[in-house]
Amino acid sequence: MAFAIDTLILLIVIVPLLFAVYGTEYLQRAQEFGVAGFWDFAIQVVMPAVAVILFWKYRGATPGKMAISARIVNATTGAAPSTGQLVGRYFAYIVSALPFGLGFIWIAIDRRKQGFHDKLAGTAVIYDDD
């Protein structure tokens, strides 16, 4: 559910920005070249990465995780993770996604409910009992 909320928010922000920068030619350029240009890469890759890491750093969660009362912590101490752990967690999503999403599926069977990205970064997602 958190992922769906975060994806919807990103789409609401990203799509209008891309069309503001590239106009109606955006889809054609993206299909033809894979990436429509520098701003396409900046808006679709860099901006979401920075936003997610900043939300994790200063709020402990993305808006989607906040909506379900979840937050990211250091798996060992239960305290806020370091910035390095958060950056590592973000890029470890690639590892979780590559083998058919196995790293995300793993969450369902893992005793601590950690995906591969959490295990690699030394983080865990906990739920607040408010």
Protein backbone atom coordinates (compact mmCIF):
# COMPACT_ATOMS: atom_id res chain seq x y z
CA MET A 1 0.00 0.00 0.00
CA ALA A 2 2.83 2.41 0.87
CA PHE A 3 4.47 1.76 -2.50
CA ALA A 4 1.20 2.51 -4.33
CA ILE A 5 0.75 5.81 -2.47
CA ASP A 6 4.35 6.87 -3.15
CA THR A 7 4.08 5.92 -6.82
CA LEU A 8 0.87 7.92 -7.24
CA ILE A 9 2.47 10.99 -5.63
CA LEU A 10 5.53 10.69 -7.89
CA LEU A 11 3.36 10.37 -11.00
CA ILE A 12 1.34 13.45 -10.03
CA VAL A 13 4.59 15.43 -9.75
CA ILE A 14 6.72 13.89 -12.53
CA VAL A 15 4.30 13.69 -15.48
CA PRO A 16 3.34 17.39 -15.50
CA LEU A 17 7.00 18.38 -15.08
CA LEU A 18 8.07 16.27 -18.06
CA PHE A 19 5.33 17.69 -20.24
CA ALA A 20 6.18 21.22 -19.07
CA VAL A 21 9.80 20.71 -20.11
CA TYR A 22 9.35 18.67 -23.32
CA GLY A 23 5.77 19.41 -24.37
CA THR A 24 3.72 16.92 -26.32
CA GLU A 25 6.89 15.61 -28.01
CA TYR A 26 7.96 13.95 -24.76
CA LEU A 27 6.57 10.46 -25.45
CA GLN A 28 7.97 10.35 -28.97
CA ARG A 29 11.44 11.48 -27.81
CA ALA A 30 11.46 9.02 -24.91
CA GLN A 31 10.46 6.12 -27.18
CA GLU A 32 12.97 7.05 -29.85
CA PHE A 33 16.00 7.63 -27.63
CA GLY A 34 15.08 5.80 -24.39
CA VAL A 35 15.57 9.03 -22.48
CA ALA A 36 14.17 12.30 -23.81
CA GLY A 37 17.16 14.28 -22.54
CA PHE A 38 18.97 15.53 -19.48
CA TRP A 39 15.83 16.82 -17.76
CA ASP A 40 14.04 13.52 -18.33
CA PHE A 41 16.81 11.72 -16.44
CA ALA A 42 16.97 14.41 -13.75
CA ILE A 43 13.20 14.42 -13.18
CA GLN A 44 12.61 10.66 -13.35
CA VAL A 45 15.76 9.30 -11.70
CA VAL A 46 17.63 11.92 -9.68
CA MET A 47 14.69 13.87 -8.22
CA PRO A 48 12.82 10.80 -6.87
CA ALA A 49 16.05 9.38 -5.39
CA VAL A 50 16.85 12.62 -3.60
CA ALA A 51 13.24 13.05 -2.42
CA VAL A 52 12.98 9.50 -1.06
CA ILE A 53 16.31 9.68 0.76
CA LEU A 54 15.43 13.07 2.25
CA PHE A 55 12.03 11.82 3.43
CA TRP A 56 13.71 8.78 5.00
CA LYS A 57 16.34 10.99 6.63
CA TYR A 58 14.08 13.70 8.07
CA ARG A 59 10.73 11.92 8.51
CA GLY A 60 11.83 8.28 8.85
CA ALA A 61 9.48 7.32 6.03
CA THR A 62 8.05 8.31 2.67
CA PRO A 63 4.48 9.66 2.57
CA GLY A 64 3.21 6.16 1.76
CA LYS A 65 4.94 4.62 4.76
CA MET A 66 3.71 7.49 6.95
CA ALA A 67 0.14 6.78 5.80
CA ILE A 68 0.41 3.22 7.13
CA SER A 69 2.30 4.29 10.30
CA ALA A 70 5.54 2.62 9.25
CA ARG A 71 9.08 3.94 9.47
CA ILE A 72 12.63 2.83 8.74
CA VAL A 73 15.07 2.15 11.57
CA ASN A 74 18.54 0.75 12.08
CA ALA A 75 17.95 -3.02 12.34
CA THR A 76 20.49 -3.43 15.15
CA THR A 77 19.76 -0.47 17.40
CA GLY A 78 16.20 0.53 16.48
CA ALA A 79 17.43 4.13 16.17
CA ALA A 80 17.31 6.30 13.09
CA PRO A 81 19.53 4.88 10.33
CA SER A 82 22.59 6.77 9.16
CA THR A 83 22.52 8.66 5.88
CA GLY A 84 24.88 6.05 4.45
CA GLN A 85 22.47 3.28 5.38
CA LEU A 86 19.61 5.15 3.71
CA VAL A 87 21.54 5.78 0.49
CA GLY A 88 22.63 2.13 0.52
CA ARG A 89 19.02 1.03 1.08
CA TYR A 90 17.82 3.07 -1.88
CA PHE A 91 20.38 1.62 -4.28
CA ALA A 92 19.89 -1.87 -2.83
CA TYR A 93 16.33 -1.70 -4.21
CA ILE A 94 18.01 -2.66 -7.50
CA VAL A 95 19.21 -5.90 -5.90
CA SER A 96 15.73 -6.59 -4.53
CA ALA A 97 14.10 -5.97 -7.90
CA LEU A 98 16.48 -7.72 -10.29
CA PRO A 99 15.85 -11.40 -9.65
CA PHE A 100 12.10 -11.20 -10.50
CA GLY A 101 11.41 -9.02 -7.45
CA LEU A 102 12.58 -11.80 -5.15
CA GLY A 103 14.05 -9.31 -2.68
CA PHE A 104 10.59 -7.79 -2.17
CA ILE A 105 8.81 -11.17 -2.11
CA TRP A 106 11.31 -12.21 0.58
CA ILE A 107 9.64 -9.75 2.98
CA ALA A 108 6.61 -12.07 3.18
CA ILE A 109 8.65 -15.06 4.35
CA ASP A 110 11.42 -13.42 6.37
CA ARG A 111 11.12 -13.68 10.15
CA ARG A 112 12.01 -9.98 10.58
CA LYS A 113 10.09 -8.91 7.45
CA GLN A 114 13.24 -7.52 5.83
CA GLY A 115 13.72 -7.36 2.09
CA PHE A 116 17.13 -7.84 0.51
CA HIS A 117 17.53 -4.03 0.49
CA ASP A 118 16.95 -3.91 4.27
CA LYS A 119 19.37 -6.75 4.93
CA LEU A 120 22.08 -5.14 2.79
CA ALA A 121 21.60 -1.71 4.40
CA GLY A 122 21.13 -2.96 7.96
CA THR A 123 17.66 -1.43 8.21
CA ALA A 124 14.17 -2.63 9.11
CA VAL A 125 10.66 -1.27 8.74
CA ILE A 126 8.65 -1.04 11.95
CA TYR A 127 5.04 -0.08 12.56
CA ASP A 128 4.01 2.46 15.17
CA ASP A 129 1.16 1.33 17.46
CA ASP A 130 -0.65 4.64 17.75
